[in-house]
Protein backbone atom coordinates (compact mmCIF):
# COMPACT_ATOMS: atom_id res chain seq x y z
CA MET A 1 18.22 -0.55 -29.35
CA ASN A 2 20.46 2.01 -27.71
CA ARG A 3 18.69 3.28 -24.60
CA ARG A 4 20.05 6.80 -25.10
CA ASN A 5 18.28 7.08 -28.41
CA PHE A 6 15.10 5.23 -27.43
CA PHE A 7 12.90 8.16 -26.65
CA LYS A 8 14.34 10.23 -29.48
CA LYS A 9 12.89 7.76 -31.95
CA GLY A 10 9.38 7.60 -30.46
CA SER A 11 7.24 9.96 -28.51
CA LEU A 12 5.17 9.17 -25.44
CA VAL A 13 1.60 9.74 -26.61
CA ALA A 14 -0.93 10.99 -24.10
CA LEU A 15 -4.13 9.04 -23.67
CA GLY A 16 -6.13 12.11 -22.81
CA THR A 17 -5.66 15.82 -22.54
CA THR A 18 -5.02 15.60 -18.82
CA LEU A 19 -2.24 12.98 -19.09
CA LEU A 20 0.82 14.23 -17.18
CA HIS A 21 4.14 14.62 -19.05
CA PRO A 22 6.66 11.85 -18.37
CA PHE A 23 10.20 12.61 -17.34
CA SER A 24 11.61 12.02 -20.78
CA SER A 25 14.92 13.67 -19.86
CA LEU A 26 15.33 11.54 -16.75
CA ALA A 27 18.27 9.45 -17.95
CA SER A 28 20.36 12.54 -18.81
CA GLU A 29 19.52 14.29 -15.62
CA VAL A 30 20.78 11.63 -13.22
CA GLY A 31 24.35 11.89 -14.55
CA TYR A 32 25.03 8.17 -15.22
CA ASP A 33 27.42 6.93 -17.93
CA MET A 34 24.69 5.43 -20.08
CA THR A 35 27.14 3.09 -21.90
CA ASP A 36 26.89 0.88 -18.80
CA TYR A 37 23.08 0.76 -18.91
CA ASN A 38 22.05 -0.40 -22.39
CA LYS A 39 20.28 -3.53 -21.16
CA LYS A 40 16.50 -3.23 -21.11
CA ALA A 41 14.17 -4.88 -18.60
CA LYS A 42 12.66 -7.93 -20.18
CA ASN A 43 10.71 -8.63 -16.98
CA ILE A 44 9.37 -6.35 -14.24
CA ILE A 45 8.33 -7.43 -10.77
CA VAL A 46 6.62 -4.79 -8.59
CA ILE A 47 6.37 -5.76 -4.88
CA VAL A 48 4.03 -3.59 -2.84
CA SER A 49 3.48 -3.61 0.92
CA ASP A 50 0.15 -1.91 0.99
CA GLY A 51 -0.21 0.65 3.81
CA MET A 52 3.36 0.33 5.01
CA SER A 53 4.48 3.22 7.16
CA ILE A 54 8.22 3.62 7.69
CA GLY A 55 7.67 2.39 11.27
CA THR A 56 6.30 -0.88 9.89
CA LEU A 57 9.41 -1.42 7.78
CA ASN A 58 11.54 -0.49 10.77
CA MET A 59 9.72 -2.79 13.24
CA ALA A 60 9.80 -5.79 10.91
CA ASP A 61 13.59 -5.36 10.57
CA LEU A 62 14.02 -4.91 14.30
CA TYR A 63 11.86 -7.97 15.01
CA LEU A 64 13.88 -10.19 12.68
CA SER A 65 17.22 -8.80 13.81
CA ARG A 66 16.47 -9.36 17.47
CA LYS A 67 14.84 -12.78 16.94
CA THR A 68 17.14 -14.35 14.34
CA GLY A 69 20.18 -12.11 14.21
CA THR A 70 19.41 -11.31 10.58
CA GLY A 71 17.33 -8.37 9.53
CA SER A 72 14.85 -8.01 6.70
CA ASN A 73 15.66 -8.69 3.04
CA TRP A 74 14.54 -5.16 2.14
CA LEU A 75 16.89 -3.43 4.57
CA ASP A 76 19.69 -5.85 3.64
CA LEU A 77 19.45 -4.53 0.05
CA TYR A 78 20.13 -1.05 1.46
CA LYS A 79 22.98 -2.27 3.67
CA LYS A 80 24.67 -4.01 0.74
CA ASN A 81 24.01 -1.06 -1.61
CA LYS A 82 22.34 -3.33 -4.10
CA VAL A 83 19.44 -0.98 -5.05
CA SER A 84 18.66 2.49 -6.20
CA ARG A 85 16.55 4.21 -3.59
CA ALA A 86 14.09 7.11 -3.56
CA LEU A 87 11.22 8.75 -1.79
CA MET A 88 7.94 8.99 -3.71
CA ASP A 89 5.06 11.45 -3.32
CA MET A 90 1.84 9.39 -3.39
CA ALA A 91 -0.81 12.21 -3.32
CA SER A 92 -3.97 11.59 -5.36
CA ALA A 93 -5.89 14.15 -7.40
CA SER A 94 -8.29 14.75 -4.56
CA SER A 95 -6.11 14.59 -1.47
CA ILE A 96 -2.56 14.56 -0.14
CA VAL A 97 -3.73 11.39 1.60
CA THR A 98 -4.35 8.77 -1.07
CA ASP A 99 -6.38 5.57 -1.00
CA SER A 100 -5.05 2.38 -2.56
CA ALA A 101 -7.11 2.71 -5.75
CA ALA A 102 -5.81 6.17 -6.65
CA ALA A 103 -2.30 5.18 -5.58
CA SER A 104 -2.24 2.07 -7.81
CA SER A 105 -3.85 4.01 -10.61
CA SER A 106 -1.07 6.62 -10.51
CA TRP A 107 1.35 3.82 -11.30
CA GLY A 108 -1.06 1.97 -13.52
CA GLY A 109 -2.38 4.77 -15.70
CA GLY A 110 0.29 7.38 -15.20
CA VAL A 111 -2.22 9.99 -14.00
CA ARG A 112 -3.38 11.15 -10.58
CA ILE A 113 -7.08 10.53 -10.14
CA LYS A 114 -9.51 11.04 -7.28
CA ASN A 115 -9.60 8.56 -4.43
CA GLY A 116 -11.99 5.64 -5.04
CA GLY A 117 -11.57 5.16 -8.83
CA LEU A 118 -9.42 2.97 -11.04
CA ASN A 119 -7.74 4.75 -13.99
CA VAL A 120 -10.78 6.93 -14.65
CA GLY A 121 -10.51 10.73 -14.54
CA GLU A 122 -12.88 13.24 -13.03
CA SER A 123 -14.68 13.82 -16.35
CA GLY A 124 -14.67 10.21 -17.39
CA GLU A 125 -11.30 10.12 -19.08
CA VAL A 126 -10.01 6.57 -19.37
CA TYR A 127 -6.30 5.85 -18.98
CA LEU A 128 -4.98 2.56 -20.29
CA PRO A 129 -3.51 0.54 -17.35
CA ILE A 130 0.12 -0.41 -17.64
CA TRP A 131 -0.37 -4.18 -17.46
CA GLN A 132 -2.63 -3.90 -20.49
CA LYS A 133 0.14 -1.94 -22.26
CA PHE A 134 2.62 -4.67 -21.53
CA LYS A 135 0.16 -7.36 -22.65
CA MET A 136 -0.24 -5.47 -25.95
CA SER A 137 3.53 -5.44 -26.32
CA GLY A 138 3.50 -9.22 -26.14
CA LYS A 139 4.47 -9.85 -22.49
CA LYS A 140 2.64 -12.05 -20.02
CA ALA A 141 1.14 -10.22 -17.07
CA GLY A 142 -0.18 -11.19 -13.63
CA CYS A 143 -0.85 -10.21 -10.02
CA VAL A 144 -0.72 -12.03 -6.70
CA THR A 145 -1.98 -10.65 -3.35
CA SER A 146 -2.96 -11.55 0.21
CA VAL A 147 -6.32 -9.73 -0.19
CA PRO A 148 -8.99 -10.24 -2.86
CA ILE A 149 -7.40 -10.36 -6.27
CA THR A 150 -10.11 -7.91 -7.39
CA HIS A 151 -8.96 -5.42 -4.73
CA ALA A 152 -7.70 -1.89 -5.46
CA THR A 153 -3.97 -2.42 -5.82
CA PRO A 154 -3.94 -5.27 -8.37
CA ALA A 155 -6.94 -3.76 -10.14
CA GLY A 156 -5.14 -0.40 -10.54
CA PHE A 157 -2.49 -2.04 -12.75
CA CYS A 158 -5.05 -3.93 -14.82
CA VAL A 159 -8.46 -2.32 -15.38
CA ASN A 160 -10.58 0.83 -15.63
CA SER A 161 -13.49 1.32 -13.22
CA LYS A 162 -15.31 4.28 -11.83
CA SER A 163 -15.41 2.51 -8.44
CA ARG A 164 -12.90 0.25 -6.72
CA ASN A 165 -15.87 -1.43 -5.09
CA ALA A 166 -17.16 -2.95 -8.35
CA GLN A 167 -15.24 -6.11 -7.60
CA GLU A 168 -17.66 -8.49 -9.34
CA GLU A 169 -17.20 -6.49 -12.55
CA ILE A 170 -13.45 -6.36 -12.07
CA ALA A 171 -13.33 -10.18 -11.91
CA GLU A 172 -15.08 -10.27 -15.31
CA LYS A 173 -12.65 -7.74 -16.76
CA TYR A 174 -9.68 -9.87 -15.76
CA LEU A 175 -11.05 -12.67 -17.90
CA GLU A 176 -11.81 -10.37 -20.83
CA LEU A 177 -8.26 -9.05 -20.75
CA LYS A 178 -6.72 -12.57 -20.45
CA PHE A 179 -4.22 -11.89 -17.68
CA ASP A 180 -1.95 -14.89 -17.22
CA VAL A 181 -1.78 -15.27 -13.45
CA MET A 182 -4.26 -13.93 -10.90
CA MET A 183 -4.02 -15.29 -7.35
CA GLY A 184 -5.19 -14.23 -3.91
CA GLY A 185 -8.50 -14.13 -2.03
CA GLY A 186 -11.91 -13.02 -3.30
CA ASP A 187 -14.21 -16.00 -3.62
CA ASP A 188 -17.03 -13.59 -2.84
CA TYR A 189 -16.57 -12.07 -6.31
CA PHE A 190 -16.10 -15.26 -8.36
CA SER A 191 -18.47 -17.84 -6.85
CA SER A 192 -21.98 -18.19 -8.29
CA ASP A 193 -23.27 -18.71 -4.71
CA LYS A 194 -22.03 -15.27 -3.64
CA ARG A 195 -22.18 -13.05 -6.72
CA LYS A 196 -25.29 -10.90 -7.10
CA ASP A 197 -25.80 -12.03 -10.71
CA LYS A 198 -25.13 -15.74 -9.79
CA LYS A 199 -22.59 -15.97 -12.57
CA ASP A 200 -20.11 -18.79 -12.11
CA MET A 201 -16.81 -17.01 -12.89
CA TYR A 202 -14.83 -20.13 -12.15
CA GLN A 203 -16.60 -21.94 -14.96
CA GLU A 204 -16.02 -18.92 -17.18
CA PHE A 205 -12.30 -18.96 -16.53
CA THR A 206 -12.09 -22.74 -16.93
CA SER A 207 -13.86 -22.52 -20.30
CA LYS A 208 -11.19 -20.04 -21.45
CA GLY A 209 -8.37 -22.45 -20.68
CA TYR A 210 -7.45 -21.34 -17.16
CA GLN A 211 -6.41 -23.68 -14.37
CA VAL A 212 -8.62 -22.71 -11.40
CA VAL A 213 -7.10 -23.66 -8.04
CA HIS A 214 -8.37 -23.20 -4.50
CA THR A 215 -5.72 -24.81 -2.31
CA ARG A 216 -1.97 -24.52 -1.80
CA HIS A 217 -1.52 -28.12 -3.01
CA ASP A 218 -3.45 -27.51 -6.21
CA MET A 219 -1.44 -24.37 -6.90
CA MET A 220 1.86 -26.04 -6.28
CA SER A 221 0.96 -29.00 -8.54
CA SER A 222 -0.60 -26.92 -11.35
CA GLU A 223 1.03 -26.84 -14.75
CA THR A 224 3.28 -23.96 -15.76
CA ASP A 225 2.23 -23.80 -19.39
CA LYS A 226 -1.33 -22.65 -18.78
CA PRO A 227 -2.79 -19.48 -17.19
CA ILE A 228 -3.87 -19.71 -13.58
CA LEU A 229 -6.69 -18.25 -11.45
CA GLY A 230 -6.07 -19.00 -7.79
CA VAL A 231 -8.67 -17.96 -5.19
CA PHE A 232 -7.94 -19.31 -1.71
CA ASP A 233 -10.46 -17.62 0.62
CA ASP A 234 -13.72 -15.67 0.68
CA GLY A 235 -12.21 -12.21 1.19
CA GLY A 236 -8.62 -11.59 2.22
CA LEU A 237 -6.33 -14.50 3.03
CA PRO A 238 -5.65 -15.24 6.75
CA TYR A 239 -2.99 -13.21 8.44
CA ALA A 240 0.45 -14.84 8.17
CA LEU A 241 0.77 -15.44 11.94
CA ASP A 242 -2.67 -17.07 12.16
CA ARG A 243 -1.82 -19.25 9.18
CA GLN A 244 1.48 -20.29 10.73
CA ASN A 245 -0.29 -21.51 13.89
CA SER A 246 -2.95 -23.58 12.12
CA LYS A 247 -2.04 -26.84 10.44
CA GLU A 248 -5.18 -26.61 8.28
CA LEU A 249 -4.33 -23.14 7.03
CA VAL A 250 -0.67 -24.04 6.39
CA GLN A 251 -1.89 -26.94 4.30
CA ASN A 252 -4.50 -25.00 2.33
CA ILE A 253 -3.35 -21.37 2.04
CA PRO A 254 -0.14 -20.51 0.16
CA THR A 255 2.20 -17.82 1.38
CA LEU A 256 2.79 -14.65 -0.61
CA ALA A 257 6.28 -15.96 -1.42
CA GLU A 258 4.86 -19.27 -2.70
CA MET A 259 2.37 -17.48 -4.93
CA THR A 260 5.15 -15.23 -6.22
CA GLN A 261 7.32 -18.19 -7.05
CA LYS A 262 4.52 -19.95 -8.85
CA ALA A 263 3.67 -16.83 -10.87
CA ILE A 264 7.32 -16.49 -11.94
CA ASP A 265 7.46 -20.18 -12.89
CA VAL A 266 4.36 -19.82 -15.04
CA MET A 267 5.63 -16.73 -16.90
CA LYS A 268 9.42 -16.79 -16.86
CA ASP A 269 9.95 -18.79 -20.09
CA HIS A 270 7.90 -16.52 -22.25
CA SER A 271 10.05 -15.23 -25.11
CA LYS A 272 8.94 -11.60 -24.66
CA GLY A 273 9.10 -11.61 -20.89
CA PHE A 274 6.55 -10.89 -18.18
CA VAL A 275 5.33 -8.32 -15.69
CA LEU A 276 4.12 -9.22 -12.17
CA GLN A 277 2.66 -7.28 -9.33
CA VAL A 278 2.96 -8.75 -5.81
CA GLU A 279 0.95 -7.18 -2.98
CA ALA A 280 1.08 -7.72 0.73
CA GLY A 281 -2.40 -6.29 1.11
CA LYS A 282 -3.03 -7.32 4.67
CA VAL A 283 -0.26 -5.11 5.98
CA ASP A 284 -2.75 -2.33 5.31
CA TRP A 285 -5.62 -4.17 6.93
CA ALA A 286 -3.50 -4.82 10.05
CA ALA A 287 -2.55 -1.17 10.23
CA HIS A 288 -6.25 -0.17 10.04
CA GLY A 289 -6.81 -2.52 13.00
CA ASN A 290 -3.70 -1.43 14.98
CA ASP A 291 -2.95 -5.15 14.97
CA ILE A 292 0.78 -5.45 15.70
CA ALA A 293 1.07 -9.20 15.24
CA GLY A 294 -0.77 -9.05 11.95
CA LEU A 295 1.30 -6.08 10.81
CA ILE A 296 4.76 -7.46 11.52
CA HIS A 297 4.17 -10.95 10.26
CA ASP A 298 2.49 -9.89 7.05
CA GLN A 299 5.34 -7.43 6.50
CA ILE A 300 7.66 -10.38 6.90
CA ASP A 301 5.48 -12.30 4.41
CA HIS A 302 6.13 -9.44 2.00
CA ASP A 303 9.86 -9.57 2.79
CA GLU A 304 10.00 -13.30 1.90
CA ALA A 305 8.40 -12.45 -1.48
CA ILE A 306 11.18 -9.90 -1.99
CA GLN A 307 13.73 -12.68 -1.55
CA VAL A 308 11.94 -14.85 -4.18
CA ALA A 309 11.95 -12.00 -6.68
CA MET A 310 15.57 -11.08 -5.97
CA ASP A 311 16.74 -14.69 -6.29
CA PHE A 312 15.14 -14.83 -9.74
CA ALA A 313 16.33 -11.42 -10.81
CA GLU A 314 19.97 -11.95 -9.77
CA GLN A 315 20.12 -15.19 -11.70
CA ASP A 316 18.13 -13.92 -14.68
CA GLY A 317 19.92 -10.61 -15.22
CA GLU A 318 17.03 -9.11 -17.28
CA THR A 319 14.50 -8.40 -14.52
CA LEU A 320 13.74 -5.06 -12.90
CA VAL A 321 12.56 -5.47 -9.30
CA ILE A 322 10.62 -2.56 -7.78
CA ILE A 323 9.91 -2.57 -4.06
CA THR A 324 7.62 0.03 -2.46
CA THR A 325 4.42 0.86 -0.71
CA ASP A 326 1.42 2.91 -1.79
CA HIS A 327 0.91 5.01 1.38
CA GLY A 328 1.50 5.02 5.10
CA ASN A 329 -1.17 3.78 7.52
CA ALA A 330 -1.51 4.40 11.27
CA ASN A 331 2.22 5.26 11.58
CA PRO A 332 3.13 2.81 14.28
CA GLY A 333 6.44 2.70 16.11
CA VAL A 334 8.33 1.51 19.18
CA ILE A 335 7.93 4.08 21.92
CA TYR A 336 10.82 5.09 24.25
CA GLY A 337 10.90 3.65 27.73
CA SER A 338 13.19 1.71 30.11
CA ASP A 339 11.50 -1.61 29.13
CA ALA A 340 11.16 -0.90 25.37
CA ASN A 341 13.63 -3.65 24.38
CA ASP A 342 12.01 -6.38 26.45
CA ASN A 343 8.51 -5.19 25.70
CA PHE A 344 9.05 -5.19 21.95
CA ASP A 345 10.71 -8.62 22.14
CA SER A 346 7.60 -9.99 23.79
CA ILE A 347 5.85 -9.83 20.39
CA GLN A 348 8.03 -12.81 19.49
CA ASN A 349 5.80 -14.86 21.82
CA TYR A 350 2.53 -13.78 20.16
CA LYS A 351 0.70 -16.82 18.71
CA HIS A 352 -2.21 -14.98 17.06
CA THR A 353 -3.35 -11.64 15.77
CA ASN A 354 -5.83 -9.26 17.37
CA GLU A 355 -8.28 -10.25 14.69
CA TRP A 356 -8.13 -13.86 15.92
CA ILE A 357 -8.51 -12.74 19.54
CA LEU A 358 -11.50 -10.43 18.99
CA ASN A 359 -13.39 -12.69 16.58
CA GLY A 360 -13.38 -15.35 19.33
CA ILE A 361 -15.19 -13.11 21.81
CA GLY A 362 -18.92 -12.57 22.02
CA LYS A 363 -21.61 -11.23 24.32
CA GLU A 364 -21.73 -14.55 26.13
CA THR A 365 -17.94 -14.72 26.77
CA SER A 366 -16.91 -14.53 30.40
CA ILE A 367 -14.19 -12.28 31.89
CA SER A 368 -12.07 -15.35 32.68
CA GLN A 369 -12.42 -16.63 29.12
CA ILE A 370 -11.23 -13.28 27.71
CA LYS A 371 -8.23 -13.27 30.05
CA GLU A 372 -7.40 -16.85 29.04
CA ARG A 373 -7.73 -16.13 25.31
CA ILE A 374 -5.48 -13.06 25.39
CA ASN A 375 -2.95 -14.75 27.64
CA TYR A 376 -2.74 -17.66 25.21
CA ALA A 377 -2.45 -15.38 22.17
CA ASN A 378 -0.12 -12.71 23.59
CA ASN A 379 1.32 -14.14 26.84
CA ILE A 380 0.08 -11.12 28.74
CA ALA A 381 -2.40 -10.82 31.65
CA LEU A 382 -5.06 -8.17 31.39
CA THR A 383 -6.92 -6.97 34.43
CA ASN A 384 -10.56 -7.77 35.06
CA GLU A 385 -11.40 -4.18 34.42
CA GLU A 386 -9.70 -4.21 31.03
CA CYS A 387 -11.47 -7.43 30.03
CA GLN A 388 -14.77 -5.92 31.07
CA GLN A 389 -14.04 -2.88 28.85
CA LEU A 390 -13.56 -5.21 25.90
CA LEU A 391 -16.67 -7.18 26.71
CA ASP A 392 -18.79 -4.02 26.88
CA TYR A 393 -18.15 -3.44 23.17
CA TYR A 394 -19.94 -6.64 22.31
CA LYS A 395 -23.21 -5.68 24.00
CA ASP A 396 -24.31 -3.30 21.29
CA ILE A 397 -22.33 -3.90 18.09
CA PRO A 398 -23.71 -2.04 15.05
CA THR A 399 -25.30 -4.26 12.45
CA ALA A 400 -23.98 -2.30 9.45
CA LYS A 401 -20.63 -3.59 8.20
CA GLY A 402 -17.60 -1.41 8.63
CA LEU A 403 -14.72 -1.00 6.21
CA TYR A 404 -11.78 -3.21 7.17
CA ASN A 405 -13.61 -3.94 10.45
CA PRO A 406 -16.97 -5.39 9.41
CA ARG A 407 -18.01 -6.41 12.93
CA HIS A 408 -16.95 -3.15 14.48
CA LEU A 409 -14.66 -4.97 16.93
CA PRO A 410 -12.62 -3.02 19.53
CA PHE A 411 -9.25 -3.16 17.77
CA ASN A 412 -8.00 0.19 19.01
CA LEU A 413 -8.94 -0.53 22.58
CA LEU A 414 -7.07 -3.84 22.58
CA ALA A 415 -4.01 -2.14 21.03
CA GLN A 416 -4.00 0.45 23.82
CA MET A 417 -4.10 -2.34 26.37
CA GLN A 418 -1.23 -4.08 24.66
CA LYS A 419 0.91 -0.92 24.47
CA PRO A 420 2.29 -1.06 28.09
CA HIS A 421 3.33 -4.64 27.38
CA ASN A 422 4.84 -4.25 23.88
CA SER A 423 5.80 -0.51 23.69
CA VAL A 424 4.16 -0.06 20.31
CA GLY A 425 2.21 3.16 19.72
CA TRP A 426 -0.15 4.14 16.87
CA ILE A 427 -1.21 7.62 15.75
CA SER A 428 -4.46 6.60 14.09
CA MET A 429 -6.33 3.82 12.29
CA GLN A 430 -6.19 5.56 8.88
CA HIS A 431 -3.98 6.25 5.91
CA SER A 432 -1.36 8.98 6.15
CA ALA A 433 0.33 11.32 3.63
CA ASP A 434 3.84 9.92 4.05
CA TYR A 435 6.38 10.09 1.25
CA VAL A 436 7.07 6.43 0.71
CA GLU A 437 10.16 4.24 0.30
CA LEU A 438 11.00 3.05 -3.22
CA ALA A 439 13.84 0.66 -4.11
CA MET A 440 14.84 -0.72 -7.52
CA TYR A 441 17.21 -3.47 -8.64
CA GLY A 442 18.17 -4.54 -12.18
CA PRO A 443 17.89 -3.02 -15.65
CA GLY A 444 16.36 0.44 -15.50
CA SER A 445 17.07 0.99 -11.83
CA HIS A 446 19.62 3.68 -12.71
CA LEU A 447 16.74 5.78 -14.09
CA LEU A 448 15.43 6.40 -10.55
CA LYS A 449 15.91 9.89 -9.12
CA PRO A 450 16.09 10.45 -5.33
CA PHE A 451 12.58 12.01 -5.24
CA ILE A 452 9.76 11.33 -7.68
CA LYS A 453 6.02 11.63 -8.03
CA ASN A 454 3.89 8.51 -8.09
CA THR A 455 2.98 8.98 -11.78
CA ASP A 456 6.67 8.99 -12.74
CA LEU A 457 6.92 5.33 -11.89
CA HIS A 458 4.49 4.51 -14.75
CA TYR A 459 6.82 6.07 -17.30
CA LEU A 460 9.95 4.69 -15.73
CA MET A 461 8.63 1.12 -16.16
CA LEU A 462 7.85 1.79 -19.81
CA GLU A 463 11.25 3.32 -20.38
CA ALA A 464 13.08 0.49 -18.59
CA ALA A 465 11.34 -2.05 -20.84
CA GLU A 466 11.73 0.10 -23.96
CA ILE A 467 7.96 0.15 -24.49
CA GLN A 468 6.70 3.24 -26.39
CA ASN A 469 3.53 4.70 -24.91
CA THR A 470 1.57 4.68 -28.16
CA PHE A 471 -1.34 2.48 -27.15
């Protein structure tokens, strides 16, 4: 089908009266010679670094450049002019500062909704998520992530829910909708021992023909002609740096790149193609915790998944790769100073994340033990006074769980103590209203304009794949 005539032959049908109009004239507006762009996207891979501020992208590239002499895969695509590039406005219906659920829903359902929901409007309007649309068109569909597979970003492409927190229900919806690959963390929402209703979702998936895997080995050795559910930890997966420094975790927990490769292998031979979302979800969690080691290494984990996708796309020739983030978070960056270079390079010696450090401290921990633990993890020496400040936090920790910091550990305080040693500053521990980076490679990438709204991406994917929005 000639792409120039595609949207003349079929209209994009709204799923509710509030559905935003797509940019149907996009192709003609960008000024390309469309005779060079008649190939449609058989496959689409969307790679999301959740909560990635521009400073995070910048620091990961600096870290790799200064450590290895080679920067990040993402920035290399810019340097080699391999991708179309844009900024994207990620505001939700309720705020210029979005949460991950509304952000993913803007791509998934094509409509801005209020923070906290998944493809459900203010008056209960239900917007069909894009991975369901692609499933209905005959494609395989899946998601892989470093956080619970039931978390907001994968769920926003897949299901409708009034609340992103209904993760037990989201697990059931994945089975009902028969997605082909679902891998990440989230045992809390699948295991009969942990679910409130005691339902054994693993048995439910197995009975429907899924391979259920819980270790890296089992994932790697699983068959490629059957659907896969992979759940590798209770909640989110371990941070990449902590995994790298534990033989047990390296053996049992796959990397984001390894999950991405497996997902591609399972779906790549399907005659009608596939769609895959890949999420580096713990970049966002590290930003919430002002955890520089967690942030940089999980961003690198995301960057390695980019390379897997690009290797496949460049060989395949029919795959659209979309690389982006859903919002900024904490807006970190390297701060000017005479020792900024050496200080930032010191992060190369970090063995563990701040999460690892702080979870190993308790009321009974001595000052000398805290000093020893931080020196081992970061190769820096805190003063006795600083260690006492940290210890004071453990004397009266709230019992109620906190979001992204369930034990209410002193993440911000530790980050402030690290700042003189690593020259990294943070403006907050929350999401920000940044316009975000968006890059595209492959069939359909020419449709990208330099500045778009988040909802535009929904329609761009449909147009690139020549899928009419008539579901």
